Amino acid sequence: MTREKVSEEREQRIREAFAHVPYASLLGIEIGAIERGEATLHMEVCEQLLQNRGVLHGGVTASLIDTASAFAILTLLDAGESTTTVDLTVHYLRPVTEGRITARARVLRAGRRMITVSVDVTDDAKALIATALTAYLRLA
């Protein structure tokens, strides 16, 4: 997909939808840049999100990935359309113990029924900590 801005109206609708996702709020996920077919989300690593060895829990990273994917897709959907995750494959590349992580989701293909998204997650130093491929089914 080529980088292009979404309309102010669509961006406002996306940001309002994001504000109503309690799970994202619970994890401390923040919405960053929004472009057509792309979304960038951020999250501060905190003690409550670490596993017992002091490393960010993999489920937290997967949740950030899934949320970023959903909002990248939302930039392409019309009002009233919805999707659901049908596949999420994550490759964890390096551990994170502190700082801020960023997920950049890009829609690779938006078909009539299936939407495929690629996500890269980086740390403060811009090092790649995880990569993922997700698939979503259009529901309406």
N, C-alpha and C. Protein backbone atom coordinates (compact mmCIF):
# COMPACT_ATOMS: atom_id res chain seq x y z
N MET A 1 0.84 -1.17 0.00
CA MET A 1 0.00 0.00 0.00
C MET A 1 0.89 1.24 0.00
N THR A 2 0.44 2.27 -0.68
CA THR A 2 1.18 3.52 -0.69
C THR A 2 0.74 4.36 0.50
N ARG A 3 1.65 5.16 1.01
CA ARG A 3 1.34 5.99 2.17
C ARG A 3 0.47 7.16 1.74
N GLU A 4 -0.69 7.26 2.37
CA GLU A 4 -1.53 8.41 2.13
C GLU A 4 -2.34 8.69 3.39
N LYS A 5 -2.61 9.95 3.59
CA LYS A 5 -3.35 10.38 4.78
C LYS A 5 -4.79 9.92 4.69
N VAL A 6 -5.40 9.71 5.84
CA VAL A 6 -6.83 9.48 5.90
C VAL A 6 -7.50 10.83 6.11
N SER A 7 -8.77 10.92 5.80
CA SER A 7 -9.48 12.18 6.00
C SER A 7 -9.53 12.51 7.49
N GLU A 8 -9.68 13.79 7.80
CA GLU A 8 -9.78 14.21 9.20
C GLU A 8 -10.96 13.52 9.88
N GLU A 9 -12.05 13.39 9.16
CA GLU A 9 -13.26 12.76 9.70
C GLU A 9 -12.98 11.28 10.05
N ARG A 10 -12.32 10.56 9.15
CA ARG A 10 -12.01 9.16 9.39
C ARG A 10 -11.02 9.02 10.55
N GLU A 11 -10.00 9.88 10.57
CA GLU A 11 -9.03 9.81 11.67
C GLU A 11 -9.71 10.08 13.01
N GLN A 12 -10.60 11.04 13.05
CA GLN A 12 -11.34 11.33 14.28
C GLN A 12 -12.17 10.12 14.71
N ARG A 13 -12.83 9.47 13.74
CA ARG A 13 -13.64 8.28 14.04
C ARG A 13 -12.76 7.15 14.60
N ILE A 14 -11.56 6.99 14.03
CA ILE A 14 -10.63 5.95 14.48
C ILE A 14 -10.14 6.26 15.90
N ARG A 15 -9.79 7.49 16.14
CA ARG A 15 -9.30 7.87 17.48
C ARG A 15 -10.41 7.73 18.52
N GLU A 16 -11.64 8.04 18.16
CA GLU A 16 -12.76 7.85 19.08
C GLU A 16 -12.99 6.36 19.35
N ALA A 17 -12.89 5.54 18.32
CA ALA A 17 -13.04 4.09 18.51
C ALA A 17 -11.96 3.57 19.43
N PHE A 18 -10.73 4.04 19.24
CA PHE A 18 -9.62 3.60 20.08
C PHE A 18 -9.86 3.96 21.55
N ALA A 19 -10.41 5.12 21.78
CA ALA A 19 -10.68 5.57 23.15
C ALA A 19 -11.68 4.67 23.87
N HIS A 20 -12.42 3.87 23.13
CA HIS A 20 -13.43 2.98 23.70
C HIS A 20 -12.99 1.51 23.71
N VAL A 21 -11.68 1.27 23.74
CA VAL A 21 -11.14 -0.09 23.83
C VAL A 21 -10.53 -0.24 25.23
N PRO A 22 -11.30 -0.77 26.19
CA PRO A 22 -10.80 -0.83 27.57
C PRO A 22 -9.54 -1.67 27.73
N TYR A 23 -9.39 -2.73 26.96
CA TYR A 23 -8.21 -3.59 27.07
C TYR A 23 -6.95 -2.81 26.69
N ALA A 24 -7.02 -2.01 25.64
CA ALA A 24 -5.87 -1.19 25.23
C ALA A 24 -5.51 -0.21 26.33
N SER A 25 -6.51 0.37 26.94
CA SER A 25 -6.28 1.29 28.05
C SER A 25 -5.64 0.57 29.23
N LEU A 26 -6.10 -0.62 29.54
CA LEU A 26 -5.55 -1.41 30.64
C LEU A 26 -4.06 -1.67 30.44
N LEU A 27 -3.66 -1.96 29.20
CA LEU A 27 -2.25 -2.23 28.90
C LEU A 27 -1.42 -0.95 28.73
N GLY A 28 -2.09 0.18 28.64
CA GLY A 28 -1.37 1.44 28.45
C GLY A 28 -1.00 1.71 27.01
N ILE A 29 -1.71 1.12 26.07
CA ILE A 29 -1.44 1.32 24.65
C ILE A 29 -1.93 2.71 24.24
N GLU A 30 -1.10 3.40 23.46
CA GLU A 30 -1.44 4.73 22.96
C GLU A 30 -1.42 4.70 21.44
N ILE A 31 -2.34 5.43 20.85
CA ILE A 31 -2.38 5.50 19.39
C ILE A 31 -1.46 6.61 18.92
N GLY A 32 -0.70 6.32 17.87
CA GLY A 32 0.22 7.30 17.30
C GLY A 32 -0.26 7.72 15.93
N ALA A 33 0.56 7.49 14.93
CA ALA A 33 0.25 7.91 13.55
C ALA A 33 -0.79 7.00 12.91
N ILE A 34 -1.64 7.61 12.11
CA ILE A 34 -2.66 6.90 11.35
C ILE A 34 -2.54 7.33 9.89
N GLU A 35 -2.38 6.37 9.02
CA GLU A 35 -2.39 6.62 7.58
C GLU A 35 -3.24 5.55 6.94
N ARG A 36 -3.59 5.73 5.70
CA ARG A 36 -4.43 4.74 5.02
C ARG A 36 -3.68 3.40 4.99
N GLY A 37 -4.29 2.38 5.62
CA GLY A 37 -3.72 1.04 5.65
C GLY A 37 -2.60 0.87 6.65
N GLU A 38 -2.38 1.86 7.50
CA GLU A 38 -1.29 1.79 8.48
C GLU A 38 -1.71 2.40 9.81
N ALA A 39 -1.15 1.84 10.88
CA ALA A 39 -1.36 2.41 12.21
C ALA A 39 -0.11 2.16 13.04
N THR A 40 0.27 3.15 13.82
CA THR A 40 1.41 3.03 14.72
C THR A 40 0.90 3.23 16.14
N LEU A 41 1.18 2.25 17.00
CA LEU A 41 0.77 2.30 18.40
C LEU A 41 2.00 2.17 19.28
N HIS A 42 1.91 2.74 20.48
CA HIS A 42 3.03 2.75 21.42
C HIS A 42 2.57 2.21 22.77
N MET A 43 3.54 1.73 23.55
CA MET A 43 3.24 1.24 24.88
C MET A 43 4.48 1.31 25.75
N GLU A 44 4.32 1.81 26.96
CA GLU A 44 5.41 1.83 27.94
C GLU A 44 5.47 0.47 28.63
N VAL A 45 6.67 -0.07 28.73
CA VAL A 45 6.87 -1.32 29.46
C VAL A 45 6.90 -0.97 30.94
N CYS A 46 6.07 -1.65 31.73
CA CYS A 46 6.04 -1.40 33.17
C CYS A 46 6.09 -2.74 33.90
N GLU A 47 6.35 -2.69 35.17
CA GLU A 47 6.55 -3.90 35.97
C GLU A 47 5.37 -4.86 35.88
N GLN A 48 4.15 -4.34 35.82
CA GLN A 48 2.96 -5.18 35.79
C GLN A 48 2.84 -6.00 34.50
N LEU A 49 3.60 -5.64 33.48
CA LEU A 49 3.53 -6.33 32.18
C LEU A 49 4.68 -7.31 31.96
N LEU A 50 5.53 -7.47 32.98
CA LEU A 50 6.68 -8.36 32.87
C LEU A 50 6.32 -9.76 33.34
N GLN A 51 6.97 -10.77 32.76
CA GLN A 51 6.80 -12.12 33.27
C GLN A 51 7.76 -12.31 34.45
N ASN A 52 7.77 -13.47 35.07
CA ASN A 52 8.51 -13.66 36.32
C ASN A 52 10.03 -13.55 36.19
N ARG A 53 10.57 -13.52 34.99
CA ARG A 53 12.02 -13.35 34.81
C ARG A 53 12.39 -11.92 34.42
N GLY A 54 11.41 -11.00 34.52
CA GLY A 54 11.69 -9.60 34.27
C GLY A 54 11.66 -9.16 32.83
N VAL A 55 11.10 -9.99 31.96
CA VAL A 55 11.01 -9.68 30.52
C VAL A 55 9.55 -9.42 30.18
N LEU A 56 9.32 -8.51 29.24
CA LEU A 56 7.95 -8.23 28.80
C LEU A 56 7.25 -9.52 28.39
N HIS A 57 6.07 -9.74 28.90
CA HIS A 57 5.29 -10.94 28.60
C HIS A 57 4.94 -10.99 27.11
N GLY A 58 5.12 -12.14 26.50
CA GLY A 58 4.83 -12.30 25.07
C GLY A 58 3.38 -12.00 24.72
N GLY A 59 2.48 -12.28 25.63
CA GLY A 59 1.06 -12.00 25.39
C GLY A 59 0.78 -10.51 25.28
N VAL A 60 1.55 -9.71 25.99
CA VAL A 60 1.40 -8.26 25.91
C VAL A 60 1.84 -7.78 24.52
N THR A 61 2.96 -8.30 24.07
CA THR A 61 3.44 -7.94 22.73
C THR A 61 2.42 -8.37 21.68
N ALA A 62 1.87 -9.57 21.82
CA ALA A 62 0.85 -10.05 20.88
C ALA A 62 -0.40 -9.17 20.91
N SER A 63 -0.77 -8.71 22.09
CA SER A 63 -1.93 -7.83 22.21
C SER A 63 -1.69 -6.50 21.51
N LEU A 64 -0.48 -5.96 21.65
CA LEU A 64 -0.14 -4.72 20.96
C LEU A 64 -0.20 -4.93 19.45
N ILE A 65 0.32 -6.05 18.99
CA ILE A 65 0.31 -6.38 17.56
C ILE A 65 -1.12 -6.49 17.04
N ASP A 66 -1.96 -7.22 17.75
CA ASP A 66 -3.35 -7.42 17.32
C ASP A 66 -4.10 -6.09 17.28
N THR A 67 -3.86 -5.25 18.27
CA THR A 67 -4.53 -3.95 18.32
C THR A 67 -4.06 -3.05 17.19
N ALA A 68 -2.76 -3.02 16.93
CA ALA A 68 -2.24 -2.21 15.83
C ALA A 68 -2.79 -2.69 14.49
N SER A 69 -2.87 -4.00 14.32
CA SER A 69 -3.43 -4.57 13.08
C SER A 69 -4.87 -4.13 12.88
N ALA A 70 -5.66 -4.24 13.94
CA ALA A 70 -7.08 -3.89 13.85
C ALA A 70 -7.26 -2.42 13.46
N PHE A 71 -6.43 -1.55 14.01
CA PHE A 71 -6.58 -0.13 13.68
C PHE A 71 -6.01 0.23 12.32
N ALA A 72 -5.04 -0.51 11.83
CA ALA A 72 -4.59 -0.31 10.45
C ALA A 72 -5.72 -0.68 9.49
N ILE A 73 -6.41 -1.76 9.81
CA ILE A 73 -7.54 -2.19 8.98
C ILE A 73 -8.68 -1.19 9.04
N LEU A 74 -8.92 -0.65 10.23
CA LEU A 74 -10.03 0.29 10.40
C LEU A 74 -9.89 1.51 9.48
N THR A 75 -8.67 1.84 9.09
CA THR A 75 -8.48 2.98 8.19
C THR A 75 -9.06 2.71 6.80
N LEU A 76 -9.31 1.44 6.50
CA LEU A 76 -9.82 1.05 5.18
C LEU A 76 -11.30 0.72 5.17
N LEU A 77 -11.89 0.54 6.35
CA LEU A 77 -13.29 0.11 6.44
C LEU A 77 -14.25 1.28 6.40
N ASP A 78 -15.42 1.02 5.84
CA ASP A 78 -16.50 2.00 5.89
C ASP A 78 -17.22 1.87 7.22
N ALA A 79 -17.94 2.90 7.60
CA ALA A 79 -18.72 2.86 8.83
C ALA A 79 -19.65 1.65 8.78
N GLY A 80 -19.71 0.91 9.87
CA GLY A 80 -20.58 -0.26 9.94
C GLY A 80 -19.89 -1.57 9.57
N GLU A 81 -18.75 -1.50 8.89
CA GLU A 81 -18.00 -2.72 8.56
C GLU A 81 -17.20 -3.15 9.78
N SER A 82 -17.01 -4.47 9.92
CA SER A 82 -16.20 -4.97 11.02
C SER A 82 -15.42 -6.20 10.58
N THR A 83 -14.42 -6.55 11.40
CA THR A 83 -13.56 -7.70 11.13
C THR A 83 -13.29 -8.44 12.42
N THR A 84 -12.71 -9.63 12.30
CA THR A 84 -12.24 -10.35 13.46
C THR A 84 -10.95 -11.07 13.10
N THR A 85 -10.08 -11.21 14.08
CA THR A 85 -8.80 -11.89 13.87
C THR A 85 -9.04 -13.37 13.65
N VAL A 86 -8.43 -13.93 12.60
CA VAL A 86 -8.50 -15.38 12.37
C VAL A 86 -7.14 -16.04 12.45
N ASP A 87 -6.07 -15.23 12.39
CA ASP A 87 -4.74 -15.79 12.53
C ASP A 87 -3.78 -14.70 13.01
N LEU A 88 -2.88 -15.10 13.92
CA LEU A 88 -1.88 -14.18 14.44
C LEU A 88 -0.61 -14.99 14.68
N THR A 89 0.40 -14.75 13.85
CA THR A 89 1.68 -15.45 13.99
C THR A 89 2.73 -14.44 14.38
N VAL A 90 3.33 -14.63 15.56
CA VAL A 90 4.32 -13.70 16.09
C VAL A 90 5.68 -14.39 16.17
N HIS A 91 6.71 -13.68 15.75
CA HIS A 91 8.08 -14.13 15.92
C HIS A 91 8.75 -13.15 16.88
N TYR A 92 9.11 -13.65 18.06
CA TYR A 92 9.77 -12.85 19.08
C TYR A 92 11.27 -12.89 18.81
N LEU A 93 11.89 -11.73 18.65
CA LEU A 93 13.28 -11.67 18.21
C LEU A 93 14.27 -11.26 19.30
N ARG A 94 13.83 -10.43 20.24
CA ARG A 94 14.72 -10.06 21.34
C ARG A 94 13.88 -9.64 22.54
N PRO A 95 14.39 -9.88 23.74
CA PRO A 95 13.63 -9.54 24.95
C PRO A 95 13.63 -8.04 25.23
N VAL A 96 12.61 -7.61 25.92
CA VAL A 96 12.49 -6.21 26.33
C VAL A 96 12.24 -6.21 27.84
N THR A 97 12.93 -5.34 28.55
CA THR A 97 12.76 -5.26 30.00
C THR A 97 12.29 -3.89 30.46
N GLU A 98 12.44 -2.88 29.60
CA GLU A 98 12.04 -1.52 29.98
C GLU A 98 11.91 -0.67 28.73
N GLY A 99 11.39 0.54 28.93
CA GLY A 99 11.29 1.50 27.83
C GLY A 99 9.93 1.49 27.15
N ARG A 100 9.93 2.00 25.96
CA ARG A 100 8.72 2.13 25.17
C ARG A 100 8.85 1.26 23.93
N ILE A 101 7.79 0.54 23.61
CA ILE A 101 7.80 -0.24 22.37
C ILE A 101 6.77 0.35 21.41
N THR A 102 7.05 0.16 20.13
CA THR A 102 6.20 0.72 19.08
C THR A 102 5.85 -0.38 18.09
N ALA A 103 4.58 -0.47 17.75
CA ALA A 103 4.11 -1.43 16.74
C ALA A 103 3.64 -0.64 15.52
N ARG A 104 4.19 -0.99 14.37
CA ARG A 104 3.77 -0.37 13.11
C ARG A 104 3.12 -1.45 12.26
N ALA A 105 1.83 -1.30 12.04
CA ALA A 105 1.05 -2.27 11.27
C ALA A 105 0.76 -1.72 9.88
N ARG A 106 0.94 -2.59 8.87
CA ARG A 106 0.70 -2.21 7.48
C ARG A 106 -0.17 -3.27 6.81
N VAL A 107 -1.28 -2.85 6.24
CA VAL A 107 -2.12 -3.78 5.50
C VAL A 107 -1.39 -4.16 4.22
N LEU A 108 -1.19 -5.46 4.03
CA LEU A 108 -0.52 -5.95 2.83
C LEU A 108 -1.51 -6.20 1.71
N ARG A 109 -2.69 -6.72 2.09
CA ARG A 109 -3.73 -7.01 1.10
C ARG A 109 -5.08 -6.94 1.78
N ALA A 110 -5.99 -6.22 1.17
CA ALA A 110 -7.36 -6.13 1.67
C ALA A 110 -8.30 -6.69 0.61
N GLY A 111 -8.60 -7.98 0.75
CA GLY A 111 -9.50 -8.63 -0.19
C GLY A 111 -10.96 -8.46 0.23
N ARG A 112 -11.84 -9.07 -0.54
CA ARG A 112 -13.28 -8.98 -0.22
C ARG A 112 -13.62 -9.65 1.10
N ARG A 113 -12.93 -10.76 1.44
CA ARG A 113 -13.22 -11.50 2.67
C ARG A 113 -12.08 -11.48 3.67
N MET A 114 -10.84 -11.52 3.21
CA MET A 114 -9.69 -11.61 4.10
C MET A 114 -8.79 -10.38 3.95
N ILE A 115 -8.23 -9.98 5.08
CA ILE A 115 -7.29 -8.86 5.11
C ILE A 115 -6.02 -9.35 5.80
N THR A 116 -4.88 -9.12 5.17
CA THR A 116 -3.59 -9.56 5.71
C THR A 116 -2.77 -8.34 6.12
N VAL A 117 -2.18 -8.42 7.32
CA VAL A 117 -1.45 -7.29 7.88
C VAL A 117 -0.08 -7.77 8.37
N SER A 118 0.93 -6.96 8.14
CA SER A 118 2.28 -7.20 8.65
C SER A 118 2.55 -6.17 9.75
N VAL A 119 3.20 -6.63 10.84
CA VAL A 119 3.48 -5.73 11.96
C VAL A 119 4.93 -5.91 12.40
N ASP A 120 5.62 -4.80 12.59
CA ASP A 120 6.95 -4.79 13.18
C ASP A 120 6.87 -4.08 14.52
N VAL A 121 7.50 -4.65 15.53
CA VAL A 121 7.54 -4.04 16.86
C VAL A 121 9.00 -3.71 17.17
N THR A 122 9.24 -2.46 17.55
CA THR A 122 10.60 -2.01 17.86
C THR A 122 10.66 -1.44 19.27
N ASP A 123 11.89 -1.39 19.79
CA ASP A 123 12.11 -0.81 21.12
C ASP A 123 12.58 0.64 20.97
N ASP A 124 12.96 1.25 22.11
CA ASP A 124 13.42 2.64 22.09
C ASP A 124 14.58 2.88 21.14
N ALA A 125 15.45 1.90 21.00
CA ALA A 125 16.62 2.03 20.13
C ALA A 125 16.31 1.70 18.67
N LYS A 126 15.03 1.50 18.37
CA LYS A 126 14.56 1.13 17.02
C LYS A 126 14.99 -0.27 16.62
N ALA A 127 15.41 -1.09 17.59
CA ALA A 127 15.76 -2.49 17.31
C ALA A 127 14.47 -3.29 17.16
N LEU A 128 14.44 -4.17 16.19
CA LEU A 128 13.27 -5.01 15.95
C LEU A 128 13.18 -6.08 17.05
N ILE A 129 12.07 -6.05 17.81
CA ILE A 129 11.92 -7.02 18.90
C ILE A 129 10.93 -8.13 18.55
N ALA A 130 10.03 -7.86 17.61
CA ALA A 130 9.07 -8.88 17.17
C ALA A 130 8.54 -8.49 15.80
N THR A 131 8.12 -9.51 15.07
CA THR A 131 7.48 -9.29 13.78
C THR A 131 6.29 -10.25 13.72
N ALA A 132 5.27 -9.85 12.99
CA ALA A 132 4.06 -10.68 12.96
C ALA A 132 3.36 -10.55 11.62
N LEU A 133 2.58 -11.58 11.33
CA LEU A 133 1.68 -11.58 10.19
C LEU A 133 0.32 -11.95 10.72
N THR A 134 -0.68 -11.15 10.42
CA THR A 134 -2.03 -11.39 10.92
C THR A 134 -3.01 -11.47 9.77
N ALA A 135 -4.11 -12.17 10.01
CA ALA A 135 -5.19 -12.27 9.02
C ALA A 135 -6.51 -12.00 9.72
N TYR A 136 -7.35 -11.25 9.04
CA TYR A 136 -8.66 -10.87 9.58
C TYR A 136 -9.75 -11.22 8.57
N LEU A 137 -10.88 -11.60 9.07
CA LEU A 137 -12.04 -11.92 8.25
C LEU A 137 -13.01 -10.75 8.31
N ARG A 138 -13.47 -10.30 7.16
CA ARG A 138 -14.50 -9.24 7.13
C ARG A 138 -15.83 -9.88 7.56
N LEU A 139 -16.50 -9.23 8.50
CA LEU A 139 -17.78 -9.75 9.00
C LEU A 139 -18.97 -9.06 8.35
N ALA A 140 -18.84 -7.79 8.13
CA ALA A 140 -19.97 -7.05 7.54
C ALA A 140 -19.46 -5.93 6.69
